[in-house]
Each structure stands twice: as C-alpha cells, then as structure tokens.
Amino acid sequence: MSKRQVLIFNRFERFWHWTQAAAIFVLLFTGFGIHGLHPWGDFGTLVSIHVVAALYLMVLWIFAVFWHLTTGSWRHYVPTANGLW
C-alpha cells in the first residue's frame, strides 16, 4: 500500500503563518516586559524590539494582501453557495 502525500498549505502560507506566529510571540514577550511582568531586558531595549516586531508584522500583513491579490488566491475567501445543497 503506497501513501499519497496531499499538499494542504503551500510554501507561502506556511511561511506567512509561522513568521506571523513568531512576530506575535515576540510582541507578547516584549509587551509583558514593558509592563514589568518579567525581569528579562531593560525597558528601552524591549520597546525597540517591540516596535520592530510590530513593523515587521504590519509589513507581513501588507505582503499577504499583495500576494493574495496578485496570485488570485483571494477567491478562496469569497463565500459561495457551492456545496451547500
């Protein structure tokens, strides 16, 4: 019996998901540090890292919108009645 590999998410979707998850984790970690909930790092460094991570996340979102518009994969998100009945 042979196994057939099914590709559910393409390379871009995996890259986008995991880099977005990493940026959000960095934002959480630095945000908690800015508010004094952990002792790792000084305030100025944490704020700088937080701002860079936020800018990176915004660029990632803009790139994702660009990607969906240029590749036509935005159609995946349009609801249709196909398959409802």
Protein backbone atom coordinates (compact mmCIF):
# COMPACT_ATOMS: atom_id res chain seq x y z
CA MET A 1 0.00 0.00 0.00
CA SER A 2 1.53 3.31 -1.04
CA LYS A 3 0.99 6.57 0.78
CA ARG A 4 -0.08 9.62 -1.18
CA GLN A 5 1.11 12.98 0.07
CA VAL A 6 -1.50 15.74 -0.06
CA LEU A 7 -0.37 19.36 -0.02
CA ILE A 8 -2.84 21.33 2.09
CA PHE A 9 -0.90 24.57 2.51
CA ASN A 10 1.63 25.89 0.04
CA ARG A 11 5.07 27.21 0.95
CA PHE A 12 3.92 30.85 1.19
CA GLU A 13 1.05 30.00 3.55
CA ARG A 14 3.36 28.07 5.86
CA PHE A 15 5.94 30.89 5.79
CA TRP A 16 3.26 33.52 6.45
CA HIS A 17 1.70 31.57 9.30
CA TRP A 18 4.89 30.76 11.18
CA THR A 19 6.53 34.16 10.78
CA GLN A 20 3.30 35.80 11.91
CA ALA A 21 3.18 33.48 14.93
CA ALA A 22 6.81 34.30 15.78
CA ALA A 23 6.17 38.06 15.50
CA ILE A 24 3.10 37.82 17.74
CA PHE A 25 5.08 35.80 20.29
CA VAL A 26 7.82 38.47 20.28
CA LEU A 27 5.16 41.18 20.71
CA LEU A 28 3.65 39.31 23.67
CA PHE A 29 7.02 38.73 25.32
CA THR A 30 8.21 42.30 24.89
CA GLY A 31 4.80 43.72 25.82
CA PHE A 32 4.84 41.82 29.11
CA GLY A 33 8.38 43.03 29.72
CA ILE A 34 7.43 46.65 29.00
CA HIS A 35 4.73 46.38 31.65
CA GLY A 36 7.18 44.85 34.13
CA LEU A 37 5.79 41.32 34.24
CA HIS A 38 9.21 39.71 33.75
CA PRO A 39 12.76 40.88 34.52
CA TRP A 40 14.44 39.96 31.20
CA GLY A 41 15.67 43.02 29.35
CA ASP A 42 15.61 46.71 30.06
CA PHE A 43 12.71 48.97 29.09
CA GLY A 44 14.42 50.73 26.17
CA THR A 45 15.58 47.52 24.52
CA LEU A 46 12.17 45.89 24.92
CA VAL A 47 10.41 48.91 23.42
CA SER A 48 12.79 48.91 20.45
CA ILE A 49 12.27 45.19 19.82
CA HIS A 50 8.51 45.64 20.25
CA VAL A 51 8.38 48.41 17.65
CA VAL A 52 10.48 46.43 15.16
CA ALA A 53 8.28 43.33 15.64
CA ALA A 54 5.13 45.42 15.15
CA LEU A 55 6.50 46.96 11.96
CA TYR A 56 7.56 43.53 10.73
CA LEU A 57 4.05 42.18 11.37
CA MET A 58 2.48 45.09 9.51
CA VAL A 59 4.80 44.55 6.53
CA LEU A 60 3.95 40.85 6.62
CA TRP A 61 0.21 41.64 6.50
CA ILE A 62 0.70 44.08 3.62
CA PHE A 63 2.74 41.46 1.77
CA ALA A 64 0.00 38.88 2.37
CA VAL A 65 -2.64 41.20 0.89
CA PHE A 66 -0.36 41.84 -2.09
CA TRP A 67 0.23 38.11 -2.50
CA HIS A 68 -3.47 37.26 -2.41
CA LEU A 69 -4.36 39.99 -4.89
CA THR A 70 -1.61 39.17 -7.38
CA THR A 71 -1.96 35.38 -7.31
CA GLY A 72 -5.76 35.31 -7.29
CA SER A 73 -5.87 33.27 -4.10
CA TRP A 74 -8.25 35.87 -2.63
CA ARG A 75 -11.05 33.91 -4.34
CA HIS A 76 -10.57 31.23 -1.70
CA TYR A 77 -12.09 33.59 0.90
CA VAL A 78 -15.23 34.54 -1.07
CA PRO A 79 -18.23 32.58 0.25
CA THR A 80 -20.28 30.71 -2.31
CA ALA A 81 -23.38 28.54 -2.20
CA ASN A 82 -21.49 25.75 -3.94
CA GLY A 83 -21.82 22.56 -1.94
CA LEU A 84 -24.47 23.82 0.47
CA TRP A 85 -27.30 21.79 -1.05
